[in-house]
Amino acid sequence: MAASGEPSQLWVTASTITGDYLGSLPSNSLSARQHFNGPGLIPRFGKVQLSMRAEPSLLDSPTNPTPRHASKSRIRLEFLDGIRALAALYVVLHHIYWTAVSGPGVHLPAWAFFLVGWTAYGSSAVGIFIVLSGYCLMLPVVRSADASLPGGSWAYLKRRAQRILPPYYAALALSLLLIALCPGLRHPAGVRWDTALPAFTEDALLSHLFLVQNYSARLSSAIDPPAWTVACEWQIYFLFPFILFGDAGT
């Protein structure tokens, strides 16, 4: 059992003749013995032997019993995860609209475009997703005692890399494999997919390998057109520790 929370108290374990007693005492050991060995306790327990130890968290600061370095529980705002999921789903619907509905040679009646026209704003959903991701990314920093990344910058980058890079490179490899195996995907055909070609040029491969394809309008849609958003997100994650370091320096 913990002490009552007042800084002047100690954790006390008292072994008695008949059993154990766990309680909290003032820091004065003489008063503690008198408290336990007083008339009120002798008939029930007999004499007791006291073993007292200070609880570190109560002695760190007279005014703040909680240690500064104590780790706070991880916070997760599920409603923000839901909004991000909806934004990601909207981007998927936008790409369906962009490829199948508004592409070259597609002629739909006006009422059909009216029904699906609300999916035409995919870039706005990307912005919402990235802003919310940045907000969630900053939460552990503002909740830490010294406004730093939990575990340090290297641990943070490692976590981000494990989360982002494996699925990104898997999707990139799958796209290249499909282009290589399907003749219809290797040559322009007057459709939206034409922006992904040519896929096997040196600049396209290297820019996607190092996630910098979003700096070129031509390369951003090469191989796997939606992948430019992952490159943008990774660059933000990568620069985040340096932004914090610069802010701390000022």
Protein backbone atom coordinates (compact mmCIF):
# COMPACT_ATOMS: atom_id res chain seq x y z
CA MET A 1 0.00 0.00 0.00
CA ALA A 2 1.20 3.49 -0.75
CA ALA A 3 1.50 6.32 1.68
CA SER A 4 -1.34 8.80 1.85
CA GLY A 5 0.43 11.18 -0.54
CA GLU A 6 1.77 13.83 1.85
CA PRO A 7 5.49 14.57 1.31
CA SER A 8 6.39 14.13 4.97
CA GLN A 9 5.21 10.52 5.15
CA LEU A 10 7.07 7.27 4.62
CA TRP A 11 6.17 3.80 3.50
CA VAL A 12 6.21 1.56 6.53
CA THR A 13 6.13 -2.21 6.84
CA ALA A 14 5.50 -3.49 10.36
CA SER A 15 5.91 -7.20 11.15
CA THR A 16 3.93 -8.24 14.20
CA ILE A 17 3.64 -11.41 16.27
CA THR A 18 0.37 -12.35 14.64
CA GLY A 19 0.78 -10.99 11.14
CA ASP A 20 1.77 -8.02 8.97
CA TYR A 21 0.60 -4.49 9.11
CA LEU A 22 1.16 -2.00 6.31
CA GLY A 23 0.55 1.64 6.90
CA SER A 24 1.89 5.18 6.57
CA LEU A 25 3.67 7.19 9.22
CA PRO A 26 5.24 10.57 9.83
CA SER A 27 8.95 10.59 9.10
CA ASN A 28 9.87 10.66 12.81
CA SER A 29 10.73 7.06 13.71
CA LEU A 30 10.20 7.57 17.47
CA SER A 31 6.66 8.82 16.88
CA ALA A 32 6.10 5.86 14.59
CA ARG A 33 7.09 3.33 17.27
CA GLN A 34 4.94 5.07 19.84
CA HIS A 35 2.06 5.00 17.36
CA PHE A 36 2.28 1.27 16.72
CA ASN A 37 3.26 0.19 20.24
CA GLY A 38 0.74 2.36 21.99
CA PRO A 39 -2.01 1.04 24.28
CA GLY A 40 -4.51 0.80 21.48
CA LEU A 41 -2.47 -1.70 19.45
CA ILE A 42 -0.77 -3.84 22.11
CA PRO A 43 -3.85 -5.92 22.99
CA ARG A 44 -4.41 -6.84 19.35
CA PHE A 45 -0.91 -7.14 17.90
CA GLY A 46 1.59 -7.03 20.71
CA LYS A 47 4.94 -5.37 20.15
CA VAL A 48 5.89 -4.66 16.54
CA GLN A 49 9.18 -4.29 14.72
CA LEU A 50 9.21 -1.46 12.26
CA SER A 51 11.05 -1.39 8.95
CA MET A 52 10.74 1.98 7.32
CA ARG A 53 11.93 3.10 3.91
CA ALA A 54 11.41 6.35 2.08
CA GLU A 55 9.32 6.20 -1.06
CA PRO A 56 11.46 8.05 -3.66
CA SER A 57 8.54 9.58 -5.50
CA LEU A 58 7.42 11.30 -2.29
CA LEU A 59 10.82 12.78 -1.51
CA ASP A 60 11.75 14.13 -4.94
CA SER A 61 10.13 17.47 -4.24
CA PRO A 62 8.37 18.89 -1.16
CA THR A 63 5.71 20.44 -3.38
CA ASN A 64 5.50 17.86 -6.17
CA PRO A 65 5.28 14.25 -4.98
CA THR A 66 5.34 12.92 -8.56
CA PRO A 67 8.89 12.52 -9.93
CA ARG A 68 9.69 14.67 -12.91
CA HIS A 69 10.99 11.74 -14.89
CA ALA A 70 7.92 9.56 -14.37
CA SER A 71 6.57 8.34 -17.68
CA LYS A 72 3.00 9.25 -18.46
CA SER A 73 0.64 6.74 -19.93
CA ARG A 74 0.38 6.83 -23.68
CA ILE A 75 -2.54 8.89 -24.85
CA ARG A 76 -4.60 7.82 -27.83
CA LEU A 77 -7.41 9.95 -29.20
CA GLU A 78 -9.54 7.42 -31.02
CA PHE A 79 -11.79 10.02 -32.60
CA LEU A 80 -8.74 11.50 -34.36
CA ASP A 81 -7.84 8.05 -35.64
CA GLY A 82 -11.36 7.83 -36.99
CA ILE A 83 -11.09 11.17 -38.76
CA ARG A 84 -7.77 10.14 -40.28
CA ALA A 85 -9.30 6.87 -41.44
CA LEU A 86 -12.16 8.74 -43.09
CA ALA A 87 -9.66 11.07 -44.79
CA ALA A 88 -7.68 8.09 -46.08
CA LEU A 89 -10.87 6.43 -47.34
CA TYR A 90 -11.86 9.65 -49.08
CA VAL A 91 -8.50 9.70 -50.87
CA VAL A 92 -9.17 6.15 -52.11
CA LEU A 93 -12.59 7.24 -53.42
CA HIS A 94 -10.99 10.27 -55.02
CA HIS A 95 -8.54 8.09 -56.95
CA ILE A 96 -11.43 5.94 -58.15
CA TYR A 97 -13.16 9.10 -59.31
CA TRP A 98 -9.95 10.44 -60.85
CA THR A 99 -9.24 7.19 -62.73
CA ALA A 100 -12.62 5.76 -63.68
CA VAL A 101 -15.00 8.71 -63.79
CA SER A 102 -13.12 11.83 -64.85
CA GLY A 103 -10.49 10.17 -67.01
CA PRO A 104 -10.01 10.71 -70.75
CA GLY A 105 -12.71 9.16 -72.88
CA VAL A 106 -15.19 8.80 -69.99
CA HIS A 107 -18.60 10.24 -70.80
CA LEU A 108 -21.15 10.15 -68.01
CA PRO A 109 -24.47 11.99 -67.80
CA ALA A 110 -24.60 15.15 -65.75
CA TRP A 111 -26.55 13.51 -62.92
CA ALA A 112 -23.85 10.86 -62.52
CA PHE A 113 -21.13 13.48 -62.18
CA PHE A 114 -23.32 15.25 -59.65
CA LEU A 115 -23.53 12.10 -57.54
CA VAL A 116 -19.79 11.46 -57.48
CA GLY A 117 -18.53 15.03 -57.71
CA TRP A 118 -18.05 15.25 -53.95
CA THR A 119 -15.07 12.89 -54.28
CA ALA A 120 -13.12 15.35 -56.47
CA TYR A 121 -11.27 17.06 -53.59
CA GLY A 122 -8.70 14.47 -52.65
CA SER A 123 -5.92 16.99 -52.07
CA SER A 124 -7.93 18.53 -49.22
CA ALA A 125 -8.25 15.13 -47.53
CA VAL A 126 -4.49 14.64 -47.81
CA GLY A 127 -3.95 17.95 -46.04
CA ILE A 128 -6.37 17.00 -43.26
CA PHE A 129 -4.64 13.65 -42.77
CA ILE A 130 -1.17 15.20 -42.54
CA VAL A 131 -2.25 17.98 -40.15
CA LEU A 132 -3.93 15.50 -37.80
CA SER A 133 -0.90 13.22 -37.99
CA GLY A 134 1.32 16.12 -36.98
CA TYR A 135 -0.97 16.92 -34.06
CA CYS A 136 -0.84 13.31 -32.83
CA LEU A 137 2.93 13.31 -33.33
CA MET A 138 3.33 16.33 -31.07
CA LEU A 139 1.22 14.99 -28.19
CA PRO A 140 3.98 12.87 -26.57
CA VAL A 141 6.35 15.82 -26.79
CA VAL A 142 4.12 18.35 -25.04
CA ARG A 143 3.24 15.77 -22.36
CA SER A 144 6.88 14.95 -21.57
CA ALA A 145 8.65 16.69 -18.71
CA ASP A 146 11.40 18.19 -20.88
CA ALA A 147 9.47 18.61 -24.17
CA SER A 148 11.47 15.91 -25.94
CA LEU A 149 10.68 12.85 -28.01
CA PRO A 150 10.11 9.73 -25.87
CA GLY A 151 13.19 7.55 -26.14
CA GLY A 152 15.15 10.14 -28.10
CA SER A 153 15.32 11.10 -31.77
CA TRP A 154 16.88 7.86 -32.95
CA ALA A 155 14.20 5.71 -31.32
CA TYR A 156 11.53 7.98 -32.80
CA LEU A 157 12.96 7.71 -36.33
CA LYS A 158 13.24 3.95 -35.93
CA ARG A 159 9.57 3.70 -34.96
CA ARG A 160 8.52 5.87 -37.88
CA ALA A 161 10.65 3.91 -40.32
CA GLN A 162 9.22 0.59 -39.14
CA ARG A 163 5.72 1.93 -39.59
CA ILE A 164 6.10 3.70 -42.95
CA LEU A 165 8.88 2.15 -44.99
CA PRO A 166 8.01 -1.60 -45.18
CA PRO A 167 4.50 -1.10 -46.65
CA TYR A 168 5.78 1.69 -48.90
CA TYR A 169 8.54 -0.41 -50.43
CA ALA A 170 6.19 -3.40 -50.68
CA ALA A 171 3.68 -1.31 -52.66
CA LEU A 172 6.49 0.10 -54.81
CA ALA A 173 7.83 -3.38 -55.61
CA LEU A 174 4.32 -4.64 -56.41
CA SER A 175 3.71 -1.72 -58.78
CA LEU A 176 6.98 -2.34 -60.61
CA LEU A 177 6.21 -6.05 -60.83
CA LEU A 178 2.77 -5.41 -62.34
CA ILE A 179 4.19 -2.96 -64.85
CA ALA A 180 6.88 -5.44 -65.85
CA LEU A 181 4.49 -8.40 -66.20
CA CYS A 182 1.47 -6.71 -67.79
CA PRO A 183 2.14 -5.45 -71.35
CA GLY A 184 -0.88 -3.17 -71.20
CA LEU A 185 0.65 -1.23 -68.31
CA ARG A 186 3.98 -0.58 -70.00
CA HIS A 187 2.73 1.62 -72.83
CA PRO A 188 0.59 4.79 -72.91
CA ALA A 189 -3.03 4.11 -73.81
CA GLY A 190 -4.66 7.51 -73.46
CA VAL A 191 -5.79 6.93 -69.86
CA ARG A 192 -4.92 8.36 -66.46
CA TRP A 193 -2.41 5.59 -65.85
CA ASP A 194 -0.18 7.09 -68.55
CA THR A 195 1.19 9.50 -65.92
CA ALA A 196 2.90 6.55 -64.22
CA LEU A 197 5.03 5.91 -67.30
CA PRO A 198 7.86 5.52 -67.99
CA ALA A 199 8.46 3.62 -64.77
CA PHE A 200 11.90 2.09 -65.19
CA THR A 201 13.93 5.24 -65.81
CA GLU A 202 16.84 5.97 -63.51
CA ASP A 203 15.39 9.19 -62.11
CA ALA A 204 12.01 7.56 -61.41
CA LEU A 205 13.55 4.60 -59.60
CA LEU A 206 16.00 6.64 -57.53
CA SER A 207 13.46 9.31 -56.55
CA HIS A 208 11.06 6.64 -55.34
CA LEU A 209 13.81 4.72 -53.59
CA PHE A 210 14.78 7.78 -51.51
CA LEU A 211 11.19 9.12 -51.21
CA VAL A 212 11.82 12.45 -52.91
CA GLN A 213 9.59 12.03 -55.96
CA ASN A 214 7.18 14.70 -54.73
CA TYR A 215 9.68 17.44 -55.66
CA SER A 216 9.03 16.84 -59.36
CA ALA A 217 5.63 17.10 -61.03
CA ARG A 218 6.63 14.43 -63.53
CA LEU A 219 8.19 12.01 -61.07
CA SER A 220 5.51 12.40 -58.40
CA SER A 221 3.06 10.39 -60.48
CA ALA A 222 5.57 7.89 -61.87
CA ILE A 223 5.34 4.15 -61.03
CA ASP A 224 2.69 4.52 -58.31
CA PRO A 225 0.98 7.95 -58.49
CA PRO A 226 -0.47 8.06 -54.92
CA ALA A 227 2.95 7.28 -53.39
CA TRP A 228 3.95 10.95 -53.43
CA THR A 229 1.85 11.48 -50.28
CA VAL A 230 3.87 8.83 -48.43
CA ALA A 231 7.08 10.59 -49.49
CA CYS A 232 5.74 13.89 -48.16
CA GLU A 233 4.70 12.30 -44.87
CA TRP A 234 8.07 10.60 -44.43
CA GLN A 235 9.92 13.88 -45.01
CA ILE A 236 7.84 15.56 -42.32
CA TYR A 237 8.58 12.70 -39.91
CA PHE A 238 12.28 12.87 -40.72
CA LEU A 239 12.54 16.63 -40.20
CA PHE A 240 10.46 16.68 -37.03
CA PRO A 241 13.35 16.01 -34.56
CA PHE A 242 15.46 18.72 -36.19
CA ILE A 243 12.58 21.19 -35.89
CA LEU A 244 12.27 20.38 -32.20
CA PHE A 245 16.04 20.70 -31.73
CA GLY A 246 16.05 24.10 -33.42
CA ASP A 247 13.14 25.29 -31.32
CA ALA A 248 14.86 24.12 -28.13
CA GLY A 249 17.99 25.97 -29.17
CA THR A 250 16.16 29.26 -29.49
